[in-house]
N, C-alpha and C. Protein backbone atom coordinates (compact mmCIF):
# COMPACT_ATOMS: atom_id res chain seq x y z
N MET A 1 64.60 143.46 146.44
CA MET A 1 66.03 143.67 146.44
C MET A 1 66.34 145.14 146.35
N SER A 2 67.30 145.54 147.07
CA SER A 2 67.69 146.95 147.07
C SER A 2 68.69 147.18 145.97
N GLY A 3 68.94 148.44 145.68
CA GLY A 3 69.86 148.80 144.61
C GLY A 3 71.30 148.68 145.02
N ASN A 4 71.60 148.50 146.29
CA ASN A 4 72.97 148.42 146.76
C ASN A 4 73.44 146.98 146.70
N HIS A 5 74.42 146.71 145.81
CA HIS A 5 74.91 145.34 145.63
C HIS A 5 76.12 145.04 146.50
N ASN A 6 76.71 146.05 147.11
CA ASN A 6 77.89 145.81 147.92
C ASN A 6 77.55 145.16 149.25
N GLN A 7 76.46 145.45 149.81
CA GLN A 7 76.08 144.90 151.10
C GLN A 7 75.10 143.76 150.88
N PRO A 8 75.45 142.58 151.36
CA PRO A 8 74.53 141.47 151.18
C PRO A 8 73.30 141.67 152.03
N ASP A 9 72.18 141.36 151.45
CA ASP A 9 70.91 141.45 152.15
C ASP A 9 70.64 140.11 152.79
N GLN A 10 70.23 140.14 154.08
CA GLN A 10 70.01 138.89 154.79
C GLN A 10 68.78 138.18 154.26
N ASP A 11 67.91 138.88 153.66
CA ASP A 11 66.71 138.25 153.12
C ASP A 11 66.95 137.71 151.72
N ASP A 12 68.13 137.93 151.19
CA ASP A 12 68.45 137.49 149.83
C ASP A 12 68.58 135.96 149.82
N PRO A 13 67.81 135.25 148.96
CA PRO A 13 67.89 133.78 148.92
C PRO A 13 69.22 133.28 148.38
N ASP A 14 69.90 134.07 147.55
CA ASP A 14 71.18 133.62 147.00
C ASP A 14 72.25 133.53 148.08
N SER A 15 72.26 134.46 148.96
CA SER A 15 73.27 134.44 150.02
C SER A 15 72.99 133.29 150.98
N GLU A 16 71.72 133.00 151.20
CA GLU A 16 71.37 131.87 152.07
C GLU A 16 71.82 130.56 151.44
N LEU A 17 71.61 130.43 150.11
CA LEU A 17 72.03 129.23 149.40
C LEU A 17 73.54 129.10 149.40
N GLU A 18 74.21 130.21 149.25
CA GLU A 18 75.66 130.21 149.26
C GLU A 18 76.20 129.77 150.61
N SER A 19 75.60 130.21 151.67
CA SER A 19 76.07 129.81 153.01
C SER A 19 75.80 128.34 153.26
N LEU A 20 74.69 127.81 152.73
CA LEU A 20 74.40 126.37 152.87
C LEU A 20 75.40 125.53 152.09
N LEU A 21 75.75 126.01 150.90
CA LEU A 21 76.72 125.26 150.07
C LEU A 21 78.10 125.26 150.71
N LYS A 22 78.47 126.31 151.39
CA LYS A 22 79.77 126.36 152.04
C LYS A 22 79.86 125.37 153.18
N ARG A 23 78.75 125.03 153.77
CA ARG A 23 78.75 124.10 154.89
C ARG A 23 78.73 122.63 154.46
N LEU A 24 78.51 122.38 153.18
CA LEU A 24 78.46 120.98 152.71
C LEU A 24 79.82 120.32 152.81
N GLN A 25 79.82 119.06 153.16
CA GLN A 25 81.03 118.25 153.23
C GLN A 25 80.94 117.14 152.17
N PRO A 26 81.94 117.00 151.30
CA PRO A 26 81.86 115.94 150.28
C PRO A 26 81.94 114.56 150.91
N ARG A 27 81.16 113.67 150.39
CA ARG A 27 81.13 112.31 150.86
C ARG A 27 82.00 111.45 149.95
N PRO A 28 82.67 110.42 150.47
CA PRO A 28 83.48 109.56 149.60
C PRO A 28 82.57 108.82 148.61
N LEU A 29 83.15 108.54 147.39
CA LEU A 29 82.38 107.85 146.35
C LEU A 29 82.11 106.42 146.75
N ASP A 30 80.98 105.94 146.30
CA ASP A 30 80.60 104.55 146.54
C ASP A 30 81.45 103.65 145.65
N VAL A 31 81.70 102.43 146.09
CA VAL A 31 82.52 101.47 145.35
C VAL A 31 81.89 101.16 144.00
N ASP A 32 80.58 101.05 143.94
CA ASP A 32 79.91 100.76 142.66
C ASP A 32 80.10 101.91 141.67
N GLN A 33 80.06 103.13 142.16
CA GLN A 33 80.27 104.27 141.28
C GLN A 33 81.71 104.29 140.75
N LEU A 34 82.69 103.98 141.62
CA LEU A 34 84.08 103.92 141.18
C LEU A 34 84.28 102.84 140.12
N ASP A 35 83.66 101.69 140.30
CA ASP A 35 83.77 100.60 139.33
C ASP A 35 83.14 101.02 138.00
N ARG A 36 81.97 101.64 138.04
CA ARG A 36 81.29 102.08 136.82
C ARG A 36 82.13 103.13 136.10
N LEU A 37 82.73 104.08 136.82
CA LEU A 37 83.60 105.08 136.20
C LEU A 37 84.84 104.44 135.57
N GLY A 38 85.41 103.41 136.20
CA GLY A 38 86.57 102.71 135.66
C GLY A 38 86.23 102.00 134.36
N ARG A 39 85.04 101.32 134.33
CA ARG A 39 84.62 100.63 133.10
C ARG A 39 84.36 101.62 131.97
N GLU A 40 83.73 102.74 132.29
CA GLU A 40 83.47 103.74 131.26
C GLU A 40 84.78 104.35 130.74
N SER A 41 85.76 104.52 131.59
CA SER A 41 87.06 105.03 131.17
C SER A 41 87.75 104.03 130.22
N GLU A 42 87.64 102.72 130.52
CA GLU A 42 88.22 101.70 129.64
C GLU A 42 87.52 101.69 128.28
N VAL A 43 86.19 101.85 128.29
CA VAL A 43 85.44 101.87 127.02
C VAL A 43 85.88 103.05 126.17
N ILE A 44 86.06 104.20 126.78
CA ILE A 44 86.49 105.39 126.04
C ILE A 44 87.91 105.19 125.50
N THR A 45 88.78 104.62 126.31
CA THR A 45 90.17 104.39 125.88
C THR A 45 90.23 103.42 124.71
N THR A 46 89.51 102.31 124.79
CA THR A 46 89.54 101.33 123.69
C THR A 46 88.86 101.86 122.44
N SER A 47 87.82 102.67 122.60
CA SER A 47 87.16 103.23 121.40
C SER A 47 88.08 104.23 120.71
N GLN A 48 88.88 104.97 121.47
CA GLN A 48 89.83 105.90 120.86
C GLN A 48 90.99 105.14 120.22
N ALA A 49 91.38 104.00 120.79
CA ALA A 49 92.48 103.21 120.22
C ALA A 49 92.06 102.53 118.93
N ASN A 50 90.77 102.25 118.72
CA ASN A 50 90.28 101.54 117.54
C ASN A 50 89.58 102.46 116.56
N LEU A 51 90.05 103.68 116.44
CA LEU A 51 89.45 104.60 115.48
C LEU A 51 89.69 104.08 114.07
N PRO A 52 88.76 104.32 113.13
CA PRO A 52 88.92 103.79 111.78
C PRO A 52 90.14 104.33 111.04
N GLY A 53 90.59 105.52 111.33
CA GLY A 53 91.74 106.08 110.65
C GLY A 53 93.07 105.64 111.22
N ARG A 54 93.06 104.94 112.30
CA ARG A 54 94.29 104.52 112.96
C ARG A 54 94.72 103.15 112.48
N ILE A 55 96.02 102.93 112.31
CA ILE A 55 96.55 101.65 111.81
C ILE A 55 96.45 100.60 112.92
N GLN A 56 95.87 99.46 112.56
CA GLN A 56 95.75 98.34 113.50
C GLN A 56 96.99 97.46 113.33
N TRP A 57 98.04 97.72 114.10
CA TRP A 57 99.30 96.99 113.94
C TRP A 57 99.14 95.52 114.23
N LYS A 58 98.22 95.16 115.11
CA LYS A 58 98.01 93.74 115.41
C LYS A 58 97.48 92.99 114.20
N ARG A 59 96.82 93.71 113.29
CA ARG A 59 96.30 93.09 112.08
C ARG A 59 97.26 93.24 110.91
N VAL A 60 97.98 94.36 110.84
CA VAL A 60 98.84 94.65 109.71
C VAL A 60 100.10 93.78 109.72
N MET A 61 100.70 93.59 110.86
CA MET A 61 101.98 92.87 110.93
C MET A 61 101.87 91.42 110.45
N PRO A 62 100.88 90.63 110.87
CA PRO A 62 100.79 89.27 110.32
C PRO A 62 100.53 89.27 108.81
N LEU A 63 99.74 90.21 108.33
CA LEU A 63 99.46 90.30 106.90
C LEU A 63 100.74 90.66 106.13
N ALA A 64 101.50 91.61 106.64
CA ALA A 64 102.76 92.00 105.99
C ALA A 64 103.76 90.85 106.01
N THR A 65 103.82 90.11 107.10
CA THR A 65 104.71 88.96 107.19
C THR A 65 104.32 87.88 106.18
N ALA A 66 103.03 87.63 106.04
CA ALA A 66 102.57 86.63 105.07
C ALA A 66 102.91 87.06 103.65
N CYS A 67 102.74 88.35 103.34
CA CYS A 67 103.08 88.85 102.00
C CYS A 67 104.57 88.73 101.73
N LEU A 68 105.39 89.02 102.72
CA LEU A 68 106.84 88.91 102.57
C LEU A 68 107.25 87.46 102.32
N LEU A 69 106.68 86.53 103.04
CA LEU A 69 106.99 85.12 102.83
C LEU A 69 106.54 84.66 101.45
N MET A 70 105.40 85.15 101.00
CA MET A 70 104.90 84.79 99.68
C MET A 70 105.84 85.32 98.59
N MET A 71 106.31 86.55 98.76
CA MET A 71 107.23 87.12 97.77
C MET A 71 108.55 86.36 97.76
N CYS A 72 109.04 85.95 98.91
CA CYS A 72 110.28 85.16 98.98
C CYS A 72 110.09 83.82 98.27
N ALA A 73 108.93 83.20 98.44
CA ALA A 73 108.67 81.93 97.78
C ALA A 73 108.64 82.09 96.27
N VAL A 74 108.03 83.17 95.78
CA VAL A 74 107.98 83.41 94.34
C VAL A 74 109.37 83.66 93.79
N VAL A 75 110.18 84.47 94.48
CA VAL A 75 111.54 84.75 94.03
C VAL A 75 112.37 83.47 94.03
N LEU A 76 112.24 82.66 95.04
CA LEU A 76 112.99 81.41 95.09
C LEU A 76 112.55 80.48 93.98
N TYR A 77 111.25 80.45 93.69
CA TYR A 77 110.76 79.61 92.60
C TYR A 77 111.27 80.12 91.25
N GLN A 78 111.26 81.44 91.06
CA GLN A 78 111.68 82.01 89.78
C GLN A 78 113.19 81.93 89.57
N PHE A 79 113.97 82.23 90.61
CA PHE A 79 115.41 82.36 90.45
C PHE A 79 116.20 81.34 91.27
N GLY A 80 115.54 80.36 91.80
CA GLY A 80 116.22 79.37 92.64
C GLY A 80 117.24 78.55 91.90
N PHE A 81 117.00 78.29 90.60
CA PHE A 81 117.94 77.49 89.84
C PHE A 81 119.28 78.21 89.72
N ARG A 82 119.26 79.53 89.75
CA ARG A 82 120.53 80.28 89.68
C ARG A 82 121.28 80.21 91.00
N LEU A 83 120.54 80.07 92.09
CA LEU A 83 121.19 79.98 93.40
C LEU A 83 121.83 78.62 93.62
N THR A 84 121.23 77.57 93.07
CA THR A 84 121.77 76.23 93.29
C THR A 84 122.91 75.90 92.34
N ARG A 85 122.96 76.59 91.20
CA ARG A 85 124.01 76.33 90.23
C ARG A 85 125.29 76.99 90.71
N GLY A 86 126.40 76.33 90.55
CA GLY A 86 127.68 76.87 90.98
C GLY A 86 128.12 78.04 90.14
N ILE A 87 129.08 78.79 90.63
CA ILE A 87 129.62 79.92 89.89
C ILE A 87 130.49 79.37 88.77
N PRO A 88 130.26 79.81 87.53
CA PRO A 88 131.04 79.26 86.43
C PRO A 88 132.50 79.68 86.54
N GLU A 89 133.36 78.82 86.05
CA GLU A 89 134.78 79.11 86.07
C GLU A 89 135.08 80.18 85.04
N LYS A 90 136.18 80.90 85.24
CA LYS A 90 136.58 81.94 84.29
C LYS A 90 137.05 81.25 83.02
N SER A 91 136.35 81.52 81.95
CA SER A 91 136.75 80.99 80.65
C SER A 91 136.34 81.97 79.58
N SER A 92 136.80 81.72 78.38
CA SER A 92 136.43 82.60 77.29
C SER A 92 134.95 82.39 76.97
N PRO A 93 134.28 83.41 76.48
CA PRO A 93 132.87 83.27 76.16
C PRO A 93 132.68 82.24 75.05
N PRO A 94 131.61 81.46 75.11
CA PRO A 94 131.39 80.43 74.10
C PRO A 94 131.10 81.06 72.74
N THR A 95 131.67 80.47 71.73
CA THR A 95 131.42 80.91 70.36
C THR A 95 131.04 79.71 69.52
N LEU A 96 130.76 79.96 68.27
CA LEU A 96 130.41 78.85 67.38
C LEU A 96 131.58 77.90 67.19
N THR A 97 132.79 78.42 67.19
CA THR A 97 133.94 77.59 66.88
C THR A 97 134.66 77.06 68.10
N SER A 98 134.30 77.51 69.32
CA SER A 98 135.06 77.09 70.49
C SER A 98 134.99 75.58 70.74
N PRO A 99 133.87 74.87 70.57
CA PRO A 99 133.90 73.43 70.78
C PRO A 99 134.73 72.72 69.71
N LEU A 100 134.74 73.24 68.50
CA LEU A 100 135.52 72.59 67.45
C LEU A 100 137.01 72.76 67.71
N THR A 101 137.43 73.94 68.14
CA THR A 101 138.85 74.17 68.37
C THR A 101 139.34 73.39 69.57
N GLN A 102 138.46 73.12 70.54
CA GLN A 102 138.90 72.32 71.68
C GLN A 102 139.08 70.87 71.28
N SER A 103 138.23 70.36 70.40
CA SER A 103 138.34 68.96 70.03
C SER A 103 139.45 68.73 69.00
N ASP A 104 139.62 69.63 68.06
CA ASP A 104 140.63 69.45 67.02
C ASP A 104 141.22 70.81 66.67
N PRO A 105 142.47 71.08 67.11
CA PRO A 105 143.06 72.38 66.85
C PRO A 105 143.31 72.65 65.37
N SER A 106 143.36 71.63 64.54
CA SER A 106 143.63 71.85 63.12
C SER A 106 142.44 72.52 62.43
N LEU A 107 141.26 72.47 63.02
CA LEU A 107 140.09 73.09 62.42
C LEU A 107 140.02 74.58 62.71
N ALA A 108 140.90 75.08 63.55
CA ALA A 108 140.86 76.49 63.94
C ALA A 108 141.53 77.34 62.88
N ALA A 109 140.82 77.59 61.81
CA ALA A 109 141.32 78.45 60.74
C ALA A 109 140.75 79.84 60.93
N PRO A 110 141.43 80.86 60.41
CA PRO A 110 140.92 82.21 60.64
C PRO A 110 139.55 82.47 60.02
N SER A 111 139.22 81.85 58.91
CA SER A 111 137.92 82.11 58.27
C SER A 111 137.12 80.81 58.22
N ILE A 112 136.50 80.45 59.34
CA ILE A 112 135.66 79.26 59.39
C ILE A 112 134.24 79.71 59.13
N GLN A 113 133.57 79.09 58.19
CA GLN A 113 132.18 79.42 57.91
C GLN A 113 131.28 78.44 58.63
N ALA A 114 130.11 78.92 59.02
CA ALA A 114 129.15 78.06 59.71
C ALA A 114 128.53 77.12 58.69
N ASP A 115 128.74 75.81 58.86
CA ASP A 115 128.15 74.84 57.96
C ASP A 115 127.19 73.95 58.72
N ALA A 116 126.79 72.85 58.16
CA ALA A 116 125.79 71.97 58.77
C ALA A 116 126.29 71.39 60.08
N SER A 117 127.59 71.09 60.20
CA SER A 117 128.10 70.53 61.46
C SER A 117 127.99 71.55 62.59
N ASP A 118 128.23 72.84 62.26
CA ASP A 118 128.09 73.88 63.28
C ASP A 118 126.64 74.00 63.72
N GLN A 119 125.71 73.91 62.78
CA GLN A 119 124.30 74.01 63.11
C GLN A 119 123.87 72.84 63.98
N ASN A 120 124.36 71.64 63.70
CA ASN A 120 124.05 70.49 64.55
C ASN A 120 124.60 70.69 65.95
N LEU A 121 125.80 71.28 66.01
CA LEU A 121 126.41 71.54 67.31
C LEU A 121 125.56 72.52 68.11
N LEU A 122 125.05 73.55 67.45
CA LEU A 122 124.20 74.53 68.13
C LEU A 122 122.88 73.90 68.55
N SER A 123 122.31 73.07 67.71
CA SER A 123 121.02 72.47 68.07
C SER A 123 121.17 71.50 69.23
N ASP A 124 122.37 70.95 69.43
CA ASP A 124 122.60 70.08 70.60
C ASP A 124 122.77 70.91 71.87
N ARG A 125 123.27 72.13 71.75
CA ARG A 125 123.52 72.95 72.92
C ARG A 125 122.29 73.70 73.40
N PHE A 126 121.56 74.32 72.49
CA PHE A 126 120.45 75.19 72.86
C PHE A 126 119.14 74.43 72.84
N ILE A 127 118.36 74.64 73.89
CA ILE A 127 117.06 73.99 74.04
C ILE A 127 115.99 75.04 73.79
N PRO A 128 115.02 74.79 72.89
CA PRO A 128 113.95 75.77 72.72
C PRO A 128 113.07 75.82 73.96
N ILE A 129 112.82 77.02 74.43
CA ILE A 129 112.02 77.21 75.64
C ILE A 129 110.60 77.64 75.28
N SER A 130 110.47 78.67 74.46
CA SER A 130 109.13 79.15 74.13
C SER A 130 109.16 79.88 72.80
N SER A 131 107.98 79.99 72.23
CA SER A 131 107.77 80.75 71.02
C SER A 131 106.38 81.35 71.12
N ARG A 132 106.31 82.68 71.13
CA ARG A 132 105.02 83.34 71.34
C ARG A 132 104.88 84.47 70.34
N GLY A 133 103.64 84.77 70.02
CA GLY A 133 103.33 85.91 69.18
C GLY A 133 102.47 86.90 69.95
N TYR A 134 102.79 88.17 69.84
CA TYR A 134 102.06 89.21 70.55
C TYR A 134 101.49 90.20 69.54
N LEU A 135 100.24 90.58 69.73
CA LEU A 135 99.63 91.62 68.92
C LEU A 135 100.04 92.96 69.52
N ILE A 136 100.77 93.76 68.75
CA ILE A 136 101.28 95.03 69.24
C ILE A 136 100.27 96.15 68.98
N ASN A 137 99.71 96.19 67.75
CA ASN A 137 98.83 97.29 67.40
C ASN A 137 97.85 96.81 66.34
N SER A 138 96.67 97.36 66.34
CA SER A 138 95.70 97.08 65.29
C SER A 138 95.04 98.40 64.91
N SER A 139 94.80 98.57 63.62
CA SER A 139 94.15 99.80 63.17
C SER A 139 93.25 99.48 61.99
N SER A 140 92.20 100.24 61.87
CA SER A 140 91.25 100.07 60.78
C SER A 140 91.71 100.88 59.59
N LYS A 141 91.64 100.27 58.43
CA LYS A 141 92.01 100.96 57.19
C LYS A 141 90.77 101.34 56.39
N GLY A 142 89.60 101.21 57.00
CA GLY A 142 88.38 101.65 56.36
C GLY A 142 87.51 100.51 55.90
N VAL A 143 86.34 100.87 55.37
CA VAL A 143 85.37 99.90 54.88
C VAL A 143 85.53 99.78 53.37
N VAL A 144 85.50 98.53 52.88
CA VAL A 144 85.65 98.25 51.46
C VAL A 144 84.37 97.59 50.98
N ASP A 145 83.83 98.08 49.88
CA ASP A 145 82.64 97.45 49.28
C ASP A 145 83.10 96.36 48.33
N THR A 146 82.58 95.14 48.54
CA THR A 146 82.88 94.01 47.66
C THR A 146 81.57 93.44 47.16
N GLU A 147 81.69 92.45 46.26
CA GLU A 147 80.50 91.80 45.73
C GLU A 147 79.73 91.07 46.83
N GLU A 148 80.44 90.55 47.85
CA GLU A 148 79.80 89.84 48.95
C GLU A 148 79.18 90.78 49.97
N GLY A 149 79.48 92.04 49.89
CA GLY A 149 78.95 93.01 50.84
C GLY A 149 80.07 93.84 51.43
N PRO A 150 79.76 94.73 52.36
CA PRO A 150 80.80 95.58 52.95
C PRO A 150 81.72 94.77 53.86
N LYS A 151 83.02 95.11 53.77
CA LYS A 151 84.03 94.45 54.61
C LYS A 151 84.96 95.52 55.16
N GLU A 152 85.50 95.23 56.35
CA GLU A 152 86.43 96.17 56.98
C GLU A 152 87.85 95.65 56.81
N LYS A 153 88.74 96.55 56.43
CA LYS A 153 90.14 96.21 56.25
C LYS A 153 90.90 96.58 57.52
N LEU A 154 91.60 95.62 58.11
CA LEU A 154 92.35 95.84 59.35
C LEU A 154 93.84 95.66 59.10
N GLN A 155 94.65 96.50 59.73
CA GLN A 155 96.11 96.36 59.71
C GLN A 155 96.53 95.89 61.10
N LEU A 156 97.20 94.75 61.20
CA LEU A 156 97.63 94.18 62.48
C LEU A 156 99.15 94.14 62.52
N GLN A 157 99.73 94.58 63.64
CA GLN A 157 101.18 94.52 63.83
C GLN A 157 101.46 93.51 64.94
N PHE A 158 102.28 92.51 64.61
CA PHE A 158 102.63 91.45 65.55
C PHE A 158 104.12 91.51 65.86
N GLU A 159 104.48 90.89 66.97
CA GLU A 159 105.89 90.66 67.29
C GLU A 159 105.99 89.24 67.82
N ASP A 160 106.78 88.41 67.13
CA ASP A 160 107.00 87.03 67.55
C ASP A 160 108.26 86.98 68.40
N THR A 161 108.21 86.21 69.48
CA THR A 161 109.34 86.07 70.38
C THR A 161 109.73 84.60 70.44
N HIS A 162 111.00 84.31 70.19
CA HIS A 162 111.53 82.94 70.26
C HIS A 162 112.62 82.91 71.33
N HIS A 163 112.59 81.92 72.19
CA HIS A 163 113.51 81.85 73.34
C HIS A 163 114.21 80.50 73.36
N TRP A 164 115.55 80.50 73.42
CA TRP A 164 116.35 79.29 73.56
C TRP A 164 117.26 79.44 74.77
N TYR A 165 117.65 78.29 75.33
CA TYR A 165 118.47 78.27 76.56
C TYR A 165 119.56 77.21 76.44
N ASP A 166 120.77 77.56 76.85
CA ASP A 166 121.90 76.62 76.89
C ASP A 166 122.16 76.27 78.35
N PRO A 167 121.82 75.04 78.78
CA PRO A 167 122.01 74.69 80.20
C PRO A 167 123.47 74.59 80.61
N ASN A 168 124.39 74.38 79.67
CA ASN A 168 125.80 74.26 80.03
C ASN A 168 126.40 75.60 80.44
N THR A 169 126.03 76.66 79.73
CA THR A 169 126.62 77.97 80.02
C THR A 169 125.63 78.94 80.67
N GLY A 170 124.34 78.57 80.67
CA GLY A 170 123.33 79.46 81.23
C GLY A 170 122.97 80.59 80.28
N THR A 171 123.29 80.42 79.00
CA THR A 171 123.03 81.47 78.00
C THR A 171 121.57 81.42 77.57
N ASN A 172 120.92 82.57 77.55
CA ASN A 172 119.57 82.72 77.03
C ASN A 172 119.64 83.54 75.75
N ILE A 173 118.93 83.06 74.72
CA ILE A 173 118.85 83.81 73.47
C ILE A 173 117.39 84.04 73.18
N ARG A 174 117.07 85.31 72.88
CA ARG A 174 115.70 85.66 72.52
C ARG A 174 115.74 86.46 71.23
N PHE A 175 114.90 86.06 70.27
CA PHE A 175 114.76 86.79 69.02
C PHE A 175 113.37 87.42 68.98
N PHE A 176 113.32 88.68 68.59
CA PHE A 176 112.06 89.38 68.44
C PHE A 176 111.92 89.74 66.96
N THR A 177 110.88 89.22 66.34
CA THR A 177 110.68 89.50 64.92
C THR A 177 109.31 90.13 64.71
N PRO A 178 109.29 91.40 64.26
CA PRO A 178 108.01 92.05 64.00
C PRO A 178 107.52 91.71 62.60
N HIS A 179 106.22 91.68 62.42
CA HIS A 179 105.63 91.53 61.09
C HIS A 179 104.22 92.11 61.09
N ASN A 180 103.76 92.48 59.89
CA ASN A 180 102.44 93.09 59.71
C ASN A 180 101.55 92.16 58.90
N GLU A 181 100.27 92.22 59.17
CA GLU A 181 99.29 91.47 58.41
C GLU A 181 98.10 92.37 58.14
N GLU A 182 97.45 92.13 56.99
CA GLU A 182 96.21 92.82 56.68
C GLU A 182 95.11 91.79 56.60
N MET A 183 93.98 92.10 57.21
CA MET A 183 92.84 91.19 57.21
C MET A 183 91.62 91.94 56.69
N VAL A 184 90.74 91.21 56.04
CA VAL A 184 89.48 91.76 55.59
C VAL A 184 88.38 90.97 56.28
N ILE A 185 87.55 91.69 57.05
CA ILE A 185 86.54 91.04 57.87
C ILE A 185 85.16 91.47 57.33
N PRO A 186 84.28 90.50 57.06
CA PRO A 186 82.94 90.87 56.60
C PRO A 186 82.15 91.59 57.70
N LEU A 187 81.44 92.61 57.32
CA LEU A 187 80.60 93.33 58.27
C LEU A 187 79.17 92.84 58.15
N PRO A 188 78.46 92.73 59.27
CA PRO A 188 77.07 92.29 59.19
C PRO A 188 76.21 93.38 58.54
N SER A 189 75.33 92.97 57.64
CA SER A 189 74.43 93.94 57.00
C SER A 189 73.01 93.63 57.43
N HIS A 190 72.25 94.66 57.66
CA HIS A 190 70.88 94.50 58.16
C HIS A 190 69.88 94.81 57.10
């Protein structure tokens, strides 16, 4: 090769290859090759559509619909009795003396005390629903040495819950009563 790059050398194999390439005519693709390229394009498209980080809406929507229906069923089960019950008429709020004053106006004195008849009236109206005790807190008060051996002293805090319901007015009453207990538990000795 000569040092002059501006003038092509006829003996240069690159120029001969270049002239051969310029004379080439592209041939149309074979039908099998076109089909294979189409299938490979579909595989690439579906693999990109099903990436792990992408949301699969075809799977999420039925699951979300099932969860929504389940939540509606739970709400209807929990609160359905309120939906079927009619709207109460406007009246004065129920009191201890309101049934007595409706039946006999002469009993409506300004200072009526709750006696046994009032308690019976309340027990007929309110239905006990539940009574539960909950352990709120427990703490150790240390180890105590006794004649039987070492024992641990525990302080327990409870809260009892009592629930009553009046089906006539829909009134719920809940009482929460806290109380403390101390327990002494024997410790195993080795």
